[in-house]
């Protein structure tokens, strides 16, 4: 007999996790909170860290994390104006 397959949770999906952590630069705490809001289920930031490692997504250094935390987001319309 084979193992029964469990449904994948959202944070176990590599693409979803990669988009949140790398592209959107959310922290593990923010990703866990987002998951809780979307799925109405508990998730610990350590669980997010564990899945980042399982998927081979490099964790940010402390300096990078602090830089992201204190960065001021620039509205999309302002980015184009700055480039000109």
N, C-alpha and C. Protein backbone atom coordinates (compact mmCIF):
# COMPACT_ATOMS: atom_id res chain seq x y z
N UNK A 1 0.82 -1.19 0.00
CA UNK A 1 0.00 0.00 0.00
C UNK A 1 0.87 1.25 0.00
N UNK A 2 0.44 2.25 -0.73
CA UNK A 2 1.22 3.48 -0.79
C UNK A 2 0.76 4.47 0.28
N UNK A 3 1.60 5.44 0.53
CA UNK A 3 1.25 6.49 1.49
C UNK A 3 0.10 7.32 0.96
N UNK A 4 -0.73 7.79 1.85
CA UNK A 4 -1.79 8.70 1.41
C UNK A 4 -1.18 10.09 1.22
N UNK A 5 -1.59 10.77 0.19
CA UNK A 5 -1.05 12.10 -0.09
C UNK A 5 -1.87 13.16 0.60
N UNK A 6 -1.20 14.03 1.31
CA UNK A 6 -1.88 15.16 1.93
C UNK A 6 -1.87 16.32 0.95
N UNK A 7 -2.85 17.18 1.11
CA UNK A 7 -2.88 18.39 0.27
C UNK A 7 -1.74 19.31 0.67
N UNK A 8 -1.12 19.93 -0.32
CA UNK A 8 -0.06 20.90 -0.06
C UNK A 8 -0.68 22.16 0.53
N UNK A 9 -0.05 22.70 1.55
CA UNK A 9 -0.49 23.99 2.05
C UNK A 9 0.17 25.07 1.22
N UNK A 10 -0.38 26.26 1.28
CA UNK A 10 0.09 27.37 0.46
C UNK A 10 1.58 27.64 0.66
N UNK A 11 2.04 27.65 1.93
CA UNK A 11 3.46 27.95 2.18
C UNK A 11 4.39 26.83 1.75
N UNK A 12 3.85 25.66 1.41
CA UNK A 12 4.69 24.58 0.90
C UNK A 12 4.92 24.69 -0.61
N UNK A 13 4.20 25.58 -1.25
CA UNK A 13 4.35 25.81 -2.69
C UNK A 13 5.56 26.71 -2.94
N UNK A 14 6.57 26.20 -3.63
CA UNK A 14 7.81 26.93 -3.83
C UNK A 14 7.59 28.27 -4.53
N UNK A 15 6.79 28.27 -5.57
CA UNK A 15 6.58 29.51 -6.33
C UNK A 15 5.91 30.58 -5.47
N UNK A 16 4.88 30.20 -4.72
CA UNK A 16 4.18 31.15 -3.84
C UNK A 16 5.15 31.72 -2.80
N UNK A 17 5.93 30.83 -2.20
CA UNK A 17 6.87 31.24 -1.17
C UNK A 17 7.97 32.13 -1.75
N UNK A 18 8.50 31.76 -2.92
CA UNK A 18 9.53 32.53 -3.59
C UNK A 18 9.03 33.95 -3.92
N UNK A 19 7.82 34.03 -4.45
CA UNK A 19 7.25 35.34 -4.78
C UNK A 19 7.13 36.23 -3.56
N UNK A 20 6.66 35.67 -2.46
CA UNK A 20 6.47 36.47 -1.24
C UNK A 20 7.82 36.90 -0.64
N UNK A 21 8.77 35.94 -0.54
CA UNK A 21 10.02 36.20 0.16
C UNK A 21 11.04 36.95 -0.68
N UNK A 22 11.21 36.55 -1.92
CA UNK A 22 12.25 37.14 -2.77
C UNK A 22 11.74 38.35 -3.54
N UNK A 23 10.64 38.19 -4.25
CA UNK A 23 10.15 39.28 -5.09
C UNK A 23 9.51 40.40 -4.28
N UNK A 24 8.63 40.04 -3.32
CA UNK A 24 7.95 41.06 -2.53
C UNK A 24 8.75 41.47 -1.29
N UNK A 25 9.81 40.72 -1.00
CA UNK A 25 10.71 40.98 0.13
C UNK A 25 9.98 41.02 1.47
N UNK A 26 8.99 40.12 1.63
CA UNK A 26 8.30 40.01 2.91
C UNK A 26 9.16 39.18 3.86
N UNK A 27 9.04 39.45 5.14
CA UNK A 27 9.76 38.67 6.14
C UNK A 27 9.00 37.38 6.41
N UNK A 28 9.63 36.46 7.13
CA UNK A 28 8.95 35.22 7.48
C UNK A 28 7.74 35.50 8.37
N UNK A 29 7.85 36.50 9.22
CA UNK A 29 6.73 36.89 10.09
C UNK A 29 5.57 37.41 9.24
N UNK A 30 5.88 38.25 8.25
CA UNK A 30 4.84 38.80 7.38
C UNK A 30 4.19 37.70 6.52
N UNK A 31 5.00 36.74 6.05
CA UNK A 31 4.46 35.65 5.24
C UNK A 31 3.54 34.77 6.08
N UNK A 32 3.96 34.47 7.30
CA UNK A 32 3.11 33.66 8.19
C UNK A 32 1.79 34.37 8.46
N UNK A 33 1.84 35.68 8.67
CA UNK A 33 0.63 36.45 8.91
C UNK A 33 -0.27 36.45 7.67
N UNK A 34 0.32 36.62 6.50
CA UNK A 34 -0.43 36.60 5.24
C UNK A 34 -1.12 35.24 5.05
N UNK A 35 -0.37 34.17 5.34
CA UNK A 35 -0.95 32.83 5.24
C UNK A 35 -2.14 32.68 6.18
N UNK A 36 -1.98 33.15 7.41
CA UNK A 36 -3.08 33.05 8.39
C UNK A 36 -4.30 33.81 7.90
N UNK A 37 -4.10 34.98 7.30
CA UNK A 37 -5.21 35.79 6.81
C UNK A 37 -5.89 35.13 5.60
N UNK A 38 -5.09 34.57 4.69
CA UNK A 38 -5.65 33.97 3.48
C UNK A 38 -6.32 32.63 3.74
N UNK A 39 -5.71 31.81 4.58
CA UNK A 39 -6.19 30.45 4.78
C UNK A 39 -6.97 30.26 6.09
N UNK A 40 -6.95 31.26 6.95
CA UNK A 40 -7.62 31.18 8.25
C UNK A 40 -7.12 29.97 9.05
N UNK A 41 -5.82 29.72 8.96
CA UNK A 41 -5.16 28.63 9.68
C UNK A 41 -3.87 29.16 10.28
N UNK A 42 -3.46 28.57 11.39
CA UNK A 42 -2.24 29.00 12.08
C UNK A 42 -0.99 28.63 11.28
N UNK A 43 -0.01 29.51 11.34
CA UNK A 43 1.30 29.25 10.74
C UNK A 43 2.34 30.03 11.53
N UNK A 44 3.41 29.38 11.90
CA UNK A 44 4.49 29.99 12.66
C UNK A 44 5.59 30.46 11.70
N UNK A 45 6.23 31.60 11.97
CA UNK A 45 7.33 32.07 11.11
C UNK A 45 8.46 31.04 10.97
N UNK A 46 8.68 30.23 12.00
CA UNK A 46 9.71 29.18 11.90
C UNK A 46 9.34 28.14 10.85
N UNK A 47 8.07 27.90 10.67
CA UNK A 47 7.61 26.97 9.64
C UNK A 47 7.94 27.53 8.26
N UNK A 48 7.75 28.84 8.10
CA UNK A 48 8.10 29.50 6.84
C UNK A 48 9.60 29.36 6.58
N UNK A 49 10.41 29.61 7.59
CA UNK A 49 11.87 29.47 7.45
C UNK A 49 12.25 28.06 7.04
N UNK A 50 11.63 27.08 7.66
CA UNK A 50 11.92 25.68 7.35
C UNK A 50 11.60 25.37 5.88
N UNK A 51 10.48 25.87 5.39
CA UNK A 51 10.11 25.61 3.99
C UNK A 51 10.98 26.39 3.01
N UNK A 52 11.44 27.56 3.39
CA UNK A 52 12.39 28.29 2.54
C UNK A 52 13.65 27.43 2.35
N UNK A 53 14.14 26.87 3.45
CA UNK A 53 15.33 26.03 3.39
C UNK A 53 15.08 24.78 2.57
N UNK A 54 13.91 24.13 2.77
CA UNK A 54 13.58 22.92 2.01
C UNK A 54 13.55 23.17 0.51
N UNK A 55 13.11 24.36 0.12
CA UNK A 55 13.03 24.71 -1.30
C UNK A 55 14.33 25.31 -1.83
N UNK A 56 15.34 25.44 -0.99
CA UNK A 56 16.62 25.97 -1.43
C UNK A 56 16.61 27.47 -1.68
N UNK A 57 15.69 28.17 -1.03
CA UNK A 57 15.61 29.63 -1.16
C UNK A 57 16.50 30.22 -0.07
N UNK A 58 17.52 30.95 -0.48
CA UNK A 58 18.47 31.49 0.49
C UNK A 58 17.82 32.51 1.41
N UNK A 59 18.10 32.36 2.69
CA UNK A 59 17.60 33.30 3.69
C UNK A 59 18.43 34.58 3.62
N UNK A 60 17.80 35.70 3.90
CA UNK A 60 18.51 36.98 3.91
C UNK A 60 19.42 37.06 5.13
N UNK A 61 20.49 37.83 4.98
CA UNK A 61 21.35 38.07 6.13
C UNK A 61 20.64 39.05 7.06
N UNK A 62 21.12 39.19 8.27
CA UNK A 62 20.54 40.13 9.23
C UNK A 62 20.58 41.55 8.67
N UNK A 63 21.68 41.92 8.02
CA UNK A 63 21.81 43.27 7.45
C UNK A 63 20.75 43.50 6.36
N UNK A 64 20.56 42.51 5.49
CA UNK A 64 19.54 42.65 4.44
C UNK A 64 18.14 42.75 5.04
N UNK A 65 17.87 41.94 6.04
CA UNK A 65 16.55 41.96 6.69
C UNK A 65 16.28 43.32 7.32
N UNK A 66 17.28 43.87 7.98
CA UNK A 66 17.12 45.18 8.61
C UNK A 66 16.94 46.27 7.56
N UNK A 67 17.66 46.17 6.46
CA UNK A 67 17.55 47.14 5.38
C UNK A 67 16.14 47.11 4.80
N UNK A 68 15.59 45.93 4.58
CA UNK A 68 14.22 45.79 4.06
C UNK A 68 13.20 46.34 5.05
N UNK A 69 13.43 46.11 6.33
CA UNK A 69 12.49 46.54 7.35
C UNK A 69 12.38 48.06 7.39
N UNK A 70 13.49 48.74 7.13
CA UNK A 70 13.51 50.20 7.24
C UNK A 70 13.36 50.91 5.90
N UNK A 71 13.22 50.15 4.84
CA UNK A 71 13.07 50.76 3.51
C UNK A 71 11.69 51.39 3.38
N UNK A 72 11.64 52.52 2.71
CA UNK A 72 10.37 53.21 2.47
C UNK A 72 9.92 52.83 1.06
N UNK A 73 8.76 52.18 0.94
CA UNK A 73 8.30 51.79 -0.41
C UNK A 73 8.00 53.01 -1.27
N UNK A 74 8.42 52.94 -2.53
CA UNK A 74 8.19 54.03 -3.48
C UNK A 74 6.99 53.64 -4.34
N UNK A 75 5.96 54.47 -4.40
CA UNK A 75 4.80 54.16 -5.24
C UNK A 75 5.21 53.96 -6.69
N UNK A 76 4.50 53.06 -7.39
CA UNK A 76 4.84 52.70 -8.77
C UNK A 76 4.97 53.91 -9.69
N UNK A 77 4.09 54.88 -9.59
CA UNK A 77 4.14 56.08 -10.43
C UNK A 77 5.39 56.91 -10.19
N UNK A 78 5.89 56.89 -8.98
CA UNK A 78 7.08 57.67 -8.62
C UNK A 78 8.34 57.03 -9.19
N UNK A 79 8.38 55.70 -9.33
CA UNK A 79 9.56 55.01 -9.85
C UNK A 79 9.86 55.47 -11.27
N UNK A 80 8.84 55.59 -12.10
CA UNK A 80 9.05 56.00 -13.49
C UNK A 80 9.54 57.45 -13.56
N UNK A 81 8.98 58.32 -12.72
CA UNK A 81 9.37 59.73 -12.71
C UNK A 81 10.83 59.88 -12.32
N UNK A 82 11.30 59.06 -11.39
CA UNK A 82 12.71 59.15 -10.95
C UNK A 82 13.68 58.72 -12.05
N UNK A 83 13.26 57.79 -12.90
CA UNK A 83 14.14 57.27 -13.95
C UNK A 83 14.34 58.28 -15.06
N UNK A 84 13.41 59.19 -15.25
CA UNK A 84 13.50 60.14 -16.37
C UNK A 84 14.45 61.26 -16.12
